PDB file of N, CA and C in Angstrom:
ATOM      1  N   MET A   1      89.089  93.568 175.563  1.00  0.00           N
ATOM      2  CA  MET A   1      90.254  93.700 174.905  1.00  0.00           C
ATOM      3  C   MET A   1      89.731  94.382 173.910  1.00  0.00           C
ATOM      4  N   THR A   2      90.721  95.069 172.971  1.00  0.00           N
ATOM      5  CA  THR A   2      90.791  96.199 172.343  1.00  0.00           C
ATOM      6  C   THR A   2      90.780  95.628 171.009  1.00  0.00           C
ATOM      7  N   LYS A   3      90.458  97.010 169.700  1.00  0.00           N
ATOM      8  CA  LYS A   3      90.460  96.167 168.871  1.00  0.00           C
ATOM      9  C   LYS A   3      91.956  95.833 168.279  1.00  0.00           C
ATOM     10  N   SER A   4      92.786  96.149 168.288  1.00  0.00           N
ATOM     11  CA  SER A   4      93.557  96.062 167.824  1.00  0.00           C
ATOM     12  C   SER A   4      94.115  94.211 168.433  1.00  0.00           C
ATOM     13  N   ASP A   5      93.714  94.070 169.435  1.00  0.00           N
ATOM     14  CA  ASP A   5      94.052  92.842 170.069  1.00  0.00           C
ATOM     15  C   ASP A   5      93.288  91.647 168.852  1.00  0.00           C
ATOM     16  N   GLN A   6      91.898  92.062 169.366  1.00  0.00           N
ATOM     17  CA  GLN A   6      90.673  91.236 168.476  1.00  0.00           C
ATOM     18  C   GLN A   6      91.167  91.278 166.630  1.00  0.00           C
ATOM     19  N   ASP A   7      91.843  92.219 165.947  1.00  0.00           N
ATOM     20  CA  ASP A   7      92.178  92.522 164.466  1.00  0.00           C
ATOM     21  C   ASP A   7      93.852  91.465 164.513  1.00  0.00           C
ATOM     22  N   ALA A   8      94.316  91.094 165.347  1.00  0.00           N
ATOM     23  CA  ALA A   8      95.494  89.928 166.148  1.00  0.00           C
ATOM     24  C   ALA A   8      95.008  89.271 165.712  1.00  0.00           C
ATOM     25  N   ILE A   9      93.919  88.967 166.290  1.00  0.00           N
ATOM     26  CA  ILE A   9      93.638  87.292 166.543  1.00  0.00           C
ATOM     27  C   ILE A   9      92.893  86.898 165.897  1.00  0.00           C
ATOM     28  N   ASP A  10      92.309  87.909 164.929  1.00  0.00           N
ATOM     29  CA  ASP A  10      91.420  87.702 163.359  1.00  0.00           C
ATOM     30  C   ASP A  10      92.573  87.444 162.464  1.00  0.00           C
ATOM     31  N   SER A  11      93.658  87.507 162.328  1.00  0.00           N
ATOM     32  CA  SER A  11      94.861  87.020 161.360  1.00  0.00           C
ATOM     33  C   SER A  11      95.133  86.128 161.578  1.00  0.00           C
ATOM     34  N   PHE A  12      95.456  85.334 162.636  1.00  0.00           N
ATOM     35  CA  PHE A  12      95.564  83.878 163.087  1.00  0.00           C
ATOM     36  C   PHE A  12      95.187  83.025 162.233  1.00  0.00           C
ATOM     37  N   SER A  13      96.092  81.671 162.012  1.00  0.00           N
ATOM     38  CA  SER A  13      95.429  80.966 161.285  1.00  0.00           C
ATOM     39  C   SER A  13      94.223  80.201 161.847  1.00  0.00           C
ATOM     40  N   PRO A  14      93.686  79.174 161.046  1.00  0.00           N
ATOM     41  CA  PRO A  14      92.347  79.003 161.857  1.00  0.00           C
ATOM     42  C   PRO A  14      92.796  77.842 163.242  1.00  0.00           C
ATOM     43  N   PHE A  15      93.631  77.017 162.986  1.00  0.00           N
ATOM     44  CA  PHE A  15      93.612  75.972 163.772  1.00  0.00           C
ATOM     45  C   PHE A  15      94.632  76.675 164.941  1.00  0.00           C
ATOM     46  N   PHE A  16      95.140  77.861 165.042  1.00  0.00           N
ATOM     47  CA  PHE A  16      95.918  78.293 165.801  1.00  0.00           C
ATOM     48  C   PHE A  16      94.777  79.287 166.750  1.00  0.00           C
ATOM     49  N   LYS A  17      94.257  79.821 165.980  1.00  0.00           N
ATOM     50  CA  LYS A  17      93.001  80.131 166.492  1.00  0.00           C
ATOM     51  C   LYS A  17      92.177  79.822 167.428  1.00  0.00           C
ATOM     52  N   PHE A  18      91.532  78.445 166.776  1.00  0.00           N
ATOM     53  CA  PHE A  18      90.867  77.923 167.239  1.00  0.00           C
ATOM     54  C   PHE A  18      91.442  77.488 169.201  1.00  0.00           C
ATOM     55  N   TYR A  19      93.161  77.371 168.873  1.00  0.00           N
ATOM     56  CA  TYR A  19      94.138  76.323 170.069  1.00  0.00           C
ATOM     57  C   TYR A  19      93.530  77.951 170.830  1.00  0.00           C
ATOM     58  N   TYR A  20      94.005  79.403 170.387  1.00  0.00           N
ATOM     59  CA  TYR A  20      93.830  80.067 171.113  1.00  0.00           C
ATOM     60  C   TYR A  20      92.657  80.808 171.827  1.00  0.00           C
ATOM     61  N   GLN A  21      91.570  80.495 171.661  1.00  0.00           N
ATOM     62  CA  GLN A  21      90.627  80.857 172.234  1.00  0.00           C
ATOM     63  C   GLN A  21      90.112  79.659 173.349  1.00  0.00           C
ATOM     64  N   GLN A  22      90.838  78.519 172.979  1.00  0.00           N
ATOM     65  CA  GLN A  22      90.688  77.101 173.912  1.00  0.00           C
ATOM     66  C   GLN A  22      91.339  77.678 175.281  1.00  0.00           C
ATOM     67  N   THR A  23      92.520  78.100 174.962  1.00  0.00           N
ATOM     68  CA  THR A  23      93.596  78.045 176.097  1.00  0.00           C
ATOM     69  C   THR A  23      93.482  79.897 176.727  1.00  0.00           C
ATOM     70  N   GLN A  24      93.507  80.361 175.781  1.00  0.00           N
ATOM     71  CA  GLN A  24      93.635  81.817 176.578  1.00  0.00           C
ATOM     72  C   GLN A  24      94.951  82.267 176.477  1.00  0.00           C
ATOM     73  N   SER A  25      96.102  81.081 175.886  1.00  0.00           N
ATOM     74  CA  SER A  25      97.743  81.892 176.262  1.00  0.00           C
ATOM     75  C   SER A  25      97.765  81.523 174.947  1.00  0.00           C
ATOM     76  N   PRO A  26      98.787  82.189 174.814  1.00  0.00           N
ATOM     77  CA  PRO A  26      99.069  82.586 173.841  1.00  0.00           C
ATOM     78  C   PRO A  26     101.069  81.025 173.552  1.00  0.00           C
ATOM     79  N   LYS A  27     101.576  80.809 174.728  1.00  0.00           N
ATOM     80  CA  LYS A  27     102.378  80.018 174.964  1.00  0.00           C
ATOM     81  C   LYS A  27     101.227  78.810 174.610  1.00  0.00           C
ATOM     82  N   ALA A  28      99.873  78.421 175.229  1.00  0.00           N
ATOM     83  CA  ALA A  28      99.759  77.255 175.101  1.00  0.00           C
ATOM     84  C   ALA A  28      99.327  76.252 173.425  1.00  0.00           C
ATOM     85  N   ALA A  29      98.862  77.738 173.038  1.00  0.00           N
ATOM     86  CA  ALA A  29      98.313  77.721 171.593  1.00  0.00           C
ATOM     87  C   ALA A  29      99.411  77.376 170.798  1.00  0.00           C
ATOM     88  N   SER A  30     100.452  77.325 171.418  1.00  0.00           N
ATOM     89  CA  SER A  30     101.999  77.729 170.595  1.00  0.00           C
ATOM     90  C   SER A  30     102.512  76.020 170.131  1.00  0.00           C
ATOM     91  N   TRP A  31     102.271  75.307 171.548  1.00  0.00           N
ATOM     92  CA  TRP A  31     102.861  74.263 171.868  1.00  0.00           C
ATOM     93  C   TRP A  31     101.733  73.111 171.367  1.00  0.00           C
ATOM     94  N   LEU A  32     100.616  73.437 171.547  1.00  0.00           N
ATOM     95  CA  LEU A  32      99.410  72.680 170.766  1.00  0.00           C
ATOM     96  C   LEU A  32      99.429  73.035 168.995  1.00  0.00           C
ATOM     97  N   LEU A  33      99.941  73.782 168.724  1.00  0.00           N
ATOM     98  CA  LEU A  33     100.042  74.258 167.543  1.00  0.00           C
ATOM     99  C   LEU A  33     101.371  73.423 166.527  1.00  0.00           C
ATOM    100  N   PHE A  34     102.313  72.976 167.826  1.00  0.00           N
ATOM    101  CA  PHE A  34     103.494  72.801 167.268  1.00  0.00           C
ATOM    102  C   PHE A  34     103.288  71.207 167.392  1.00  0.00           C
ATOM    103  N   LEU A  35     102.983  70.250 167.967  1.00  0.00           N
ATOM    104  CA  LEU A  35     102.674  69.285 168.571  1.00  0.00           C
ATOM    105  C   LEU A  35     101.863  68.810 167.318  1.00  0.00           C
ATOM    106  N   THR A  36     100.633  69.353 167.021  1.00  0.00           N
ATOM    107  CA  THR A  36      99.712  69.202 165.795  1.00  0.00           C
ATOM    108  C   THR A  36     100.851  69.420 164.567  1.00  0.00           C
ATOM    109  N   ILE A  37     101.490  69.911 164.459  1.00  0.00           N
ATOM    110  CA  ILE A  37     102.336  70.314 162.967  1.00  0.00           C
ATOM    111  C   ILE A  37     103.482  69.315 163.152  1.00  0.00           C
ATOM    112  N   LEU A  38     104.102  68.721 164.201  1.00  0.00           N
ATOM    113  CA  LEU A  38     104.693  68.064 164.211  1.00  0.00           C
ATOM    114  C   LEU A  38     104.557  66.483 163.893  1.00  0.00           C
ATOM    115  N   VAL A  39     103.121  66.154 164.354  1.00  0.00           N
ATOM    116  CA  VAL A  39     102.508  64.339 164.590  1.00  0.00           C
ATOM    117  C   VAL A  39     101.757  64.505 162.626  1.00  0.00           C
ATOM    118  N   LEU A  40     101.344  65.588 162.543  1.00  0.00           N
ATOM    119  CA  LEU A  40     100.930  65.724 160.668  1.00  0.00           C
ATOM    120  C   LEU A  40     102.411  65.424 159.873  1.00  0.00           C
ATOM    121  N   CYS A  41     103.266  65.996 160.205  1.00  0.00           N
ATOM    122  CA  CYS A  41     105.265  65.972 159.498  1.00  0.00           C
ATOM    123  C   CYS A  41     105.037  64.892 159.407  1.00  0.00           C
ATOM    124  N   ILE A  42     105.158  63.813 160.467  1.00  0.00           N
ATOM    125  CA  ILE A  42     105.319  62.595 160.744  1.00  0.00           C
ATOM    126  C   ILE A  42     105.004  61.353 159.847  1.00  0.00           C
ATOM    127  N   LEU A  43     103.360  62.428 160.176  1.00  0.00           N
ATOM    128  CA  LEU A  43     102.101  61.052 159.494  1.00  0.00           C
ATOM    129  C   LEU A  43     102.243  60.985 157.879  1.00  0.00           C
ATOM    130  N   VAL A  44     102.972  62.493 157.498  1.00  0.00           N
ATOM    131  CA  VAL A  44     102.639  62.710 155.966  1.00  0.00           C
ATOM    132  C   VAL A  44     104.047  61.974 155.385  1.00  0.00           C
ATOM    133  N   TYR A  45     105.685  62.157 156.202  1.00  0.00           N
ATOM    134  CA  TYR A  45     106.536  61.421 156.252  1.00  0.00           C
ATOM    135  C   TYR A  45     106.549  59.370 156.318  1.00  0.00           C
ATOM    136  N   LYS A  46     105.998  58.812 157.335  1.00  0.00           N
ATOM    137  CA  LYS A  46     105.395  57.742 157.092  1.00  0.00           C
ATOM    138  C   LYS A  46     104.800  57.564 156.118  1.00  0.00           C
ATOM    139  N   LEU A  47     103.600  58.026 155.583  1.00  0.00           N
ATOM    140  CA  LEU A  47     102.674  57.554 154.426  1.00  0.00           C
ATOM    141  C   LEU A  47     103.367  57.589 153.104  1.00  0.00           C
ATOM    142  N   GLY A  48     104.290  59.172 152.663  1.00  0.00           N
ATOM    143  CA  GLY A  48     104.845  59.276 151.419  1.00  0.00           C
ATOM    144  C   GLY A  48     105.936  58.677 151.180  1.00  0.00           C
ATOM    145  N   PHE A  49     106.858  59.192 152.091  1.00  0.00           N
ATOM    146  CA  PHE A  49     107.944  59.195 151.977  1.00  0.00           C
ATOM    147  C   PHE A  49     109.137  58.077 152.532  1.00  0.00           C
ATOM    148  N   ALA A  50     108.909  57.689 153.726  1.00  0.00           N
ATOM    149  CA  ALA A  50     109.487  56.489 154.600  1.00  0.00           C
ATOM    150  C   ALA A  50     110.126  54.987 153.998  1.00  0.00           C
ATOM    151  N   LYS A  51     111.377  55.289 153.861  1.00  0.00           N
ATOM    152  CA  LYS A  51     111.941  53.966 153.384  1.00  0.00           C
ATOM    153  C   LYS A  51     112.260  53.051 154.762  1.00  0.00           C
ATOM    154  N   LYS A  52     112.505  52.092 153.952  1.00  0.00           N
ATOM    155  CA  LYS A  52     113.579  51.125 155.950  1.00  0.00           C
ATOM    156  C   LYS A  52     114.913  51.404 155.929  1.00  0.00           C
ATOM    157  N   LEU A  53     115.055  51.967 157.311  1.00  0.00           N
ATOM    158  CA  LEU A  53     116.427  52.577 157.059  1.00  0.00           C
ATOM    159  C   LEU A  53     116.721  52.364 158.697  1.00  0.00           C
ATOM    160  N   PRO A  54     118.202  52.043 158.587  1.00  0.00           N
ATOM    161  CA  PRO A  54     118.969  51.588 159.824  1.00  0.00           C
ATOM    162  C   PRO A  54     118.400  52.416 161.511  1.00  0.00           C
ATOM    163  N   LEU A  55     118.511  52.692 162.049  1.00  0.00           N
ATOM    164  CA  LEU A  55     118.381  53.115 163.697  1.00  0.00           C
ATOM    165  C   LEU A  55     118.906  54.917 163.264  1.00  0.00           C
ATOM    166  N   LEU A  56     120.235  55.181 163.460  1.00  0.00           N
ATOM    167  CA  LEU A  56     120.723  55.418 163.316  1.00  0.00           C
ATOM    168  C   LEU A  56     120.586  56.802 162.538  1.00  0.00           C
ATOM    169  N   LYS A  57     120.178  56.366 161.043  1.00  0.00           N
ATOM    170  CA  LYS A  57     118.981  57.613 159.825  1.00  0.00           C
ATOM    171  C   LYS A  57     118.024  57.815 160.337  1.00  0.00           C
ATOM    172  N   SER A  58     117.324  57.040 160.574  1.00  0.00           N
ATOM    173  CA  SER A  58     115.916  57.516 161.039  1.00  0.00           C
ATOM    174  C   SER A  58     115.679  58.695 162.149  1.00  0.00           C
ATOM    175  N   ALA A  59     117.124  58.201 162.895  1.00  0.00           N
ATOM    176  CA  ALA A  59     116.918  59.322 164.022  1.00  0.00           C
ATOM    177  C   ALA A  59     117.652  60.634 163.404  1.00  0.00           C
ATOM    178  N   ILE A  60     118.175  60.491 162.935  1.00  0.00           N
ATOM    179  CA  ILE A  60     118.451  61.705 162.456  1.00  0.00           C
ATOM    180  C   ILE A  60     117.604  62.655 161.105  1.00  0.00           C
ATOM    181  N   ILE A  61     116.876  61.674 160.705  1.00  0.00           N
ATOM    182  CA  ILE A  61     115.723  62.031 159.775  1.00  0.00           C
ATOM    183  C   ILE A  61     114.741  62.959 160.812  1.00  0.00           C
ATOM    184  N   TYR A  62     114.440  62.038 161.871  1.00  0.00           N
ATOM    185  CA  TYR A  62     113.415  62.621 162.615  1.00  0.00           C
ATOM    186  C   TYR A  62     114.148  63.731 163.182  1.00  0.00           C
ATOM    187  N   ILE A  63     115.357  64.094 163.624  1.00  0.00           N
ATOM    188  CA  ILE A  63     115.804  65.343 164.163  1.00  0.00           C
ATOM    189  C   ILE A  63     115.528  66.367 163.297  1.00  0.00           C
ATOM    190  N   PHE A  64     115.969  66.361 161.896  1.00  0.00           N
ATOM    191  CA  PHE A  64     115.688  67.094 161.166  1.00  0.00           C
ATOM    192  C   PHE A  64     114.165  67.295 160.967  1.00  0.00           C
ATOM    193  N   LEU A  65     113.233  66.748 161.062  1.00  0.00           N
ATOM    194  CA  LEU A  65     111.800  66.654 160.739  1.00  0.00           C
ATOM    195  C   LEU A  65     111.077  67.463 161.949  1.00  0.00           C
ATOM    196  N   PHE A  66     112.011  67.495 163.215  1.00  0.00           N
ATOM    197  CA  PHE A  66     112.024  68.177 164.440  1.00  0.00           C
ATOM    198  C   PHE A  66     112.324  69.678 164.035  1.00  0.00           C
ATOM    199  N   MET A  67     112.806  69.853 163.844  1.00  0.00           N
ATOM    200  CA  MET A  67     113.552  71.247 163.531  1.00  0.00           C
ATOM    201  C   MET A  67     113.510  72.286 162.487  1.00  0.00           C
ATOM    202  N   GLY A  68     112.557  71.496 161.598  1.00  0.00           N
ATOM    203  CA  GLY A  68     111.701  71.511 160.552  1.00  0.00           C
ATOM    204  C   GLY A  68     110.469  72.044 160.903  1.00  0.00           C
ATOM    205  N   CYS A  69     109.691  71.473 161.657  1.00  0.00           N
ATOM    206  CA  CYS A  69     108.407  71.608 162.336  1.00  0.00           C
ATOM    207  C   CYS A  69     108.751  73.182 163.250  1.00  0.00           C
ATOM    208  N   THR A  70     109.835  73.100 163.830  1.00  0.00           N
ATOM    209  CA  THR A  70     109.498  74.861 164.984  1.00  0.00           C
ATOM    210  C   THR A  70     109.458  75.700 163.479  1.00  0.00           C
ATOM    211  N   LEU A  71     110.275  75.930 162.350  1.00  0.00           N
ATOM    212  CA  LEU A  71     109.993  76.610 161.478  1.00  0.00           C
ATOM    213  C   LEU A  71     108.690  76.876 161.335  1.00  0.00           C
ATOM    214  N   LEU A  72     107.870  75.917 160.660  1.00  0.00           N
ATOM    215  CA  LEU A  72     106.728  75.558 160.696  1.00  0.00           C
ATOM    216  C   LEU A  72     105.538  76.068 161.167  1.00  0.00           C
ATOM    217  N   THR A  73     105.779  75.836 162.674  1.00  0.00           N
ATOM    218  CA  THR A  73     105.042  76.772 163.548  1.00  0.00           C
ATOM    219  C   THR A  73     104.808  78.026 163.603  1.00  0.00           C
ATOM    220  N   PHE A  74     106.539  78.605 163.468  1.00  0.00           N
ATOM    221  CA  PHE A  74     105.986  80.137 162.902  1.00  0.00           C
ATOM    222  C   PHE A  74     105.641  80.698 161.840  1.00  0.00           C
ATOM    223  N   LEU A  75     105.472  80.086 161.167  1.00  0.00           N
ATOM    224  CA  LEU A  75     104.684  80.408 159.601  1.00  0.00           C
ATOM    225  C   LEU A  75     103.483  79.850 160.117  1.00  0.00           C
ATOM    226  N   GLY A  76     103.459  79.035 160.882  1.00  0.00           N
ATOM    227  CA  GLY A  76     101.559  78.175 161.041  1.00  0.00           C
ATOM    228  C   GLY A  76     100.351  79.253 161.608  1.00  0.00           C
ATOM    229  N   ILE A  77     101.508  80.055 162.884  1.00  0.00           N
ATOM    230  CA  ILE A  77     100.340  80.916 163.531  1.00  0.00           C
ATOM    231  C   ILE A  77      99.970  81.686 162.483  1.00  0.00           C
ATOM    232  N   PHE A  78     100.339  82.148 161.332  1.00  0.00           N
ATOM    233  CA  PHE A  78      99.156  83.208 160.499  1.00  0.00           C
ATOM    234  C   PHE A  78      99.202  82.735 159.218  1.00  0.00           C
ATOM    235  N   LEU A  79      99.615  81.255 158.958  1.00  0.00           N
ATOM    236  CA  LEU A  79      99.427  80.731 157.924  1.00  0.00           C
ATOM    237  C   LEU A  79      98.921  79.618 157.738  1.00  0.00           C
ATOM    238  N   PRO A  80      97.875  78.622 157.059  1.00  0.00           N
ATOM    239  CA  PRO A  80      97.479  77.380 156.753  1.00  0.00           C
ATOM    240  C   PRO A  80      98.478  76.493 157.037  1.00  0.00           C
ATOM    241  N   ILE A  81      99.334  75.945 157.355  1.00  0.00           N
ATOM    242  CA  ILE A  81     100.555  75.166 157.240  1.00  0.00           C
ATOM    243  C   ILE A  81      99.472  73.720 157.856  1.00  0.00           C
ATOM    244  N   VAL A  82      98.709  73.678 158.948  1.00  0.00           N
ATOM    245  CA  VAL A  82      98.175  72.784 159.415  1.00  0.00           C
ATOM    246  C   VAL A  82      96.910  72.329 158.683  1.00  0.00           C
ATOM    247  N   GLU A  83      96.164  73.101 157.463  1.00  0.00           N
ATOM    248  CA  GLU A  83      95.417  72.692 156.985  1.00  0.00           C
ATOM    249  C   GLU A  83      96.088  72.000 155.603  1.00  0.00           C
ATOM    250  N   GLY A  84      97.248  72.293 154.948  1.00  0.00           N
ATOM    251  CA  GLY A  84      98.084  71.842 154.416  1.00  0.00           C
ATOM    252  C   GLY A  84      98.215  70.410 154.453  1.00  0.00           C
ATOM    253  N   LEU A  85      98.946  70.569 155.868  1.00  0.00           N
ATOM    254  CA  LEU A  85      99.276  69.151 155.761  1.00  0.00           C
ATOM    255  C   LEU A  85      98.175  67.827 155.856  1.00  0.00           C
ATOM    256  N   VAL A  86      96.718  68.669 156.477  1.00  0.00           N
ATOM    257  CA  VAL A  86      95.626  67.815 156.303  1.00  0.00           C
ATOM    258  C   VAL A  86      95.267  67.135 155.377  1.00  0.00           C
ATOM    259  N   VAL A  87      95.346  68.474 154.218  1.00  0.00           N
ATOM    260  CA  VAL A  87      95.109  67.744 153.076  1.00  0.00           C
ATOM    261  C   VAL A  87      96.299  66.909 152.204  1.00  0.00           C
ATOM    262  N   ALA A  88      97.592  67.053 152.389  1.00  0.00           N
ATOM    263  CA  ALA A  88      98.145  65.685 152.463  1.00  0.00           C
ATOM    264  C   ALA A  88      98.273  64.348 152.734  1.00  0.00           C
ATOM    265  N   ALA A  89      98.308  64.481 153.924  1.00  0.00           N
ATOM    266  CA  ALA A  89      98.118  63.548 155.003  1.00  0.00           C
ATOM    267  C   ALA A  89      96.190  62.321 154.399  1.00  0.00           C
ATOM    268  N   LEU A  90      95.400  63.209 153.725  1.00  0.00           N
ATOM    269  CA  LEU A  90      93.990  62.660 153.258  1.00  0.00           C
ATOM    270  C   LEU A  90      94.606  62.295 152.142  1.00  0.00           C
ATOM    271  N   ILE A  91      95.478  62.658 151.129  1.00  0.00           N
ATOM    272  CA  ILE A  91      95.880  62.458 149.931  1.00  0.00           C
ATOM    273  C   ILE A  91      96.315  61.048 149.961  1.00  0.00           C
ATOM    274  N   LEU A  92      97.635  61.022 150.752  1.00  0.00           N
ATOM    275  CA  LEU A  92      98.671  59.912 151.250  1.00  0.00           C
ATOM    276  C   LEU A  92      97.972  58.620 151.410  1.00  0.00           C
ATOM    277  N   ILE A  93      96.705  59.182 152.534  1.00  0.00           N
ATOM    278  CA  ILE A  93      95.806  58.184 153.063  1.00  0.00           C
ATOM    279  C   ILE A  93      95.103  57.524 152.202  1.00  0.00           C
ATOM    280  N   ILE A  94      94.416  57.740 151.143  1.00  0.00           N
ATOM    281  CA  ILE A  94      93.888  57.837 149.943  1.00  0.00           C
ATOM    282  C   ILE A  94      94.367  56.474 148.893  1.00  0.00           C
ATOM    283  N   TYR A  95      95.727  57.207 148.941  1.00  0.00           N
ATOM    284  CA  TYR A  95      96.485  56.569 147.991  1.00  0.00           C
ATOM    285  C   TYR A  95      96.736  55.402 148.589  1.00  0.00           C
ATOM    286  N   LYS A  96      97.368  55.383 150.010  1.00  0.00           N
ATOM    287  CA  LYS A  96      97.085  53.855 150.191  1.00  0.00           C
ATOM    288  C   LYS A  96      96.371  53.027 150.864  1.00  0.00           C
ATOM    289  N   ILE A  97      95.351  53.675 150.478  1.00  0.00           N
ATOM    290  CA  ILE A  97      93.845  52.315 150.234  1.00  0.00           C
ATOM    291  C   ILE A  97      93.553  51.776 149.213  1.00  0.00           C
ATOM    292  N   ARG A  98      93.819  52.713 148.456  1.00  0.00           N
ATOM    293  CA  ARG A  98      93.803  52.311 146.884  1.00  0.00           C
ATOM    294  C   ARG A  98      94.748  51.212 146.458  1.00  0.00           C
ATOM    295  N   LEU A  99      96.043  51.591 147.031  1.00  0.00           N
ATOM    296  CA  LEU A  99      96.959  50.749 146.779  1.00  0.00           C
ATOM    297  C   LEU A  99      97.292  49.305 147.677  1.00  0.00           C
ATOM    298  N   ASN A 100      96.768  49.323 148.160  1.00  0.00           N
ATOM    299  CA  ASN A 100      96.538  48.310 148.952  1.00  0.00           C
ATOM    300  C   ASN A 100      95.596  47.439 148.444  1.00  0.00           C
ATOM    301  N   LYS A 101      94.514  48.180 148.342  1.00  0.00           N
ATOM    302  CA  LYS A 101      92.913  47.083 147.407  1.00  0.00           C
ATOM    303  C   LYS A 101      93.668  46.300 146.029  1.00  0.00           C
ATOM    304  N   GLU A 102      94.561  47.388 145.083  1.00  0.00           N
ATOM    305  CA  GLU A 102      95.085  46.893 144.064  1.00  0.00           C
ATOM    306  C   GLU A 102      95.735  45.765 144.078  1.00  0.00           C
ATOM    307  N   LYS A 103      96.941  45.876 145.459  1.00  0.00           N
ATOM    308  CA  LYS A 103      97.578  45.210 145.438  1.00  0.00           C
ATOM    309  C   LYS A 103      96.936  43.611 145.810  1.00  0.00           C
ATOM    310  N   LYS A 104      95.896  43.576 146.626  1.00  0.00           N
ATOM    311  CA  LYS A 104      95.151  42.193 147.642  1.00  0.00           C
ATOM    312  C   LYS A 104      94.235  41.671 146.266  1.00  0.00           C
ATOM    313  N   ALA A 105      93.909  43.034 145.380  1.00  0.00           N
ATOM    314  CA  ALA A 105      93.038  42.192 143.898  1.00  0.00           C
ATOM    315  C   ALA A 105      94.136  41.520 142.931  1.00  0.00           C
ATOM    316  N   GLY A 106      94.743  42.023 142.695  1.00  0.00           N
ATOM    317  CA  GLY A 106      96.180  41.405 141.917  1.00  0.00           C
ATOM    318  C   GLY A 106      96.095  43.006 140.814  1.00  0.00           C
ATOM    319  N   THR A 107      95.603  43.586 140.479  1.00  0.00           N
ATOM    320  CA  THR A 107      95.448  44.452 139.365  1.00  0.00           C
ATOM    321  C   THR A 107      96.833  45.417 139.130  1.00  0.00           C
ATOM    322  N   PHE A 108      97.731  45.471 140.419  1.00  0.00           N
ATOM    323  CA  PHE A 108      98.683  46.508 140.669  1.00  0.00           C
ATOM    324  C   PHE A 108      99.773  46.127 139.657  1.00  0.00           C
ATOM    325  N   ASP A 109      99.826  47.038 139.049  1.00  0.00           N
ATOM    326  CA  ASP A 109     101.652  46.788 137.748  1.00  0.00           C
ATOM    327  C   ASP A 109     102.830  47.572 138.498  1.00  0.00           C
ATOM    328  N   ASN A 110     103.775  47.235 138.962  1.00  0.00           N
ATOM    329  CA  ASN A 110     104.897  48.456 139.346  1.00  0.00           C
ATOM    330  C   ASN A 110     105.092  48.578 137.869  1.00  0.00           C
TER     331      ASN A 110
END
C-alpha cells in the first residue's frame, strides 16, 4: 500500500474506514455504509417524525428516504453522517423513554 493510498484511507469517516478495513473492498464497504445509514434514517424517522399514514403515502415516504440515503452514503464516505444519525437516534430514544415514563406517571401535559 502506497502512502497516497494510506492518506486516502485516513481521510475516510470512522464508520467507512472500519467497514473498509474489515472487508478490504470499497464496494462492500460502501454497501455496508449505505445499509447502516438507511437503517439509522428509518429509525430516526420512526422515532421522531412518523405519523399514522395510509400505506401508499408511507411507501412514497420510504422511497424518498431510500433515495436520500443514497446521497447521504456518498457524503458519508468522508463526513461523519453515521455518527450524526447515531446521536440523533440516541436523543430521540431518550426522549421517547422519558415521554412514556411521564405518561405512565400521569405528569405529562400536552
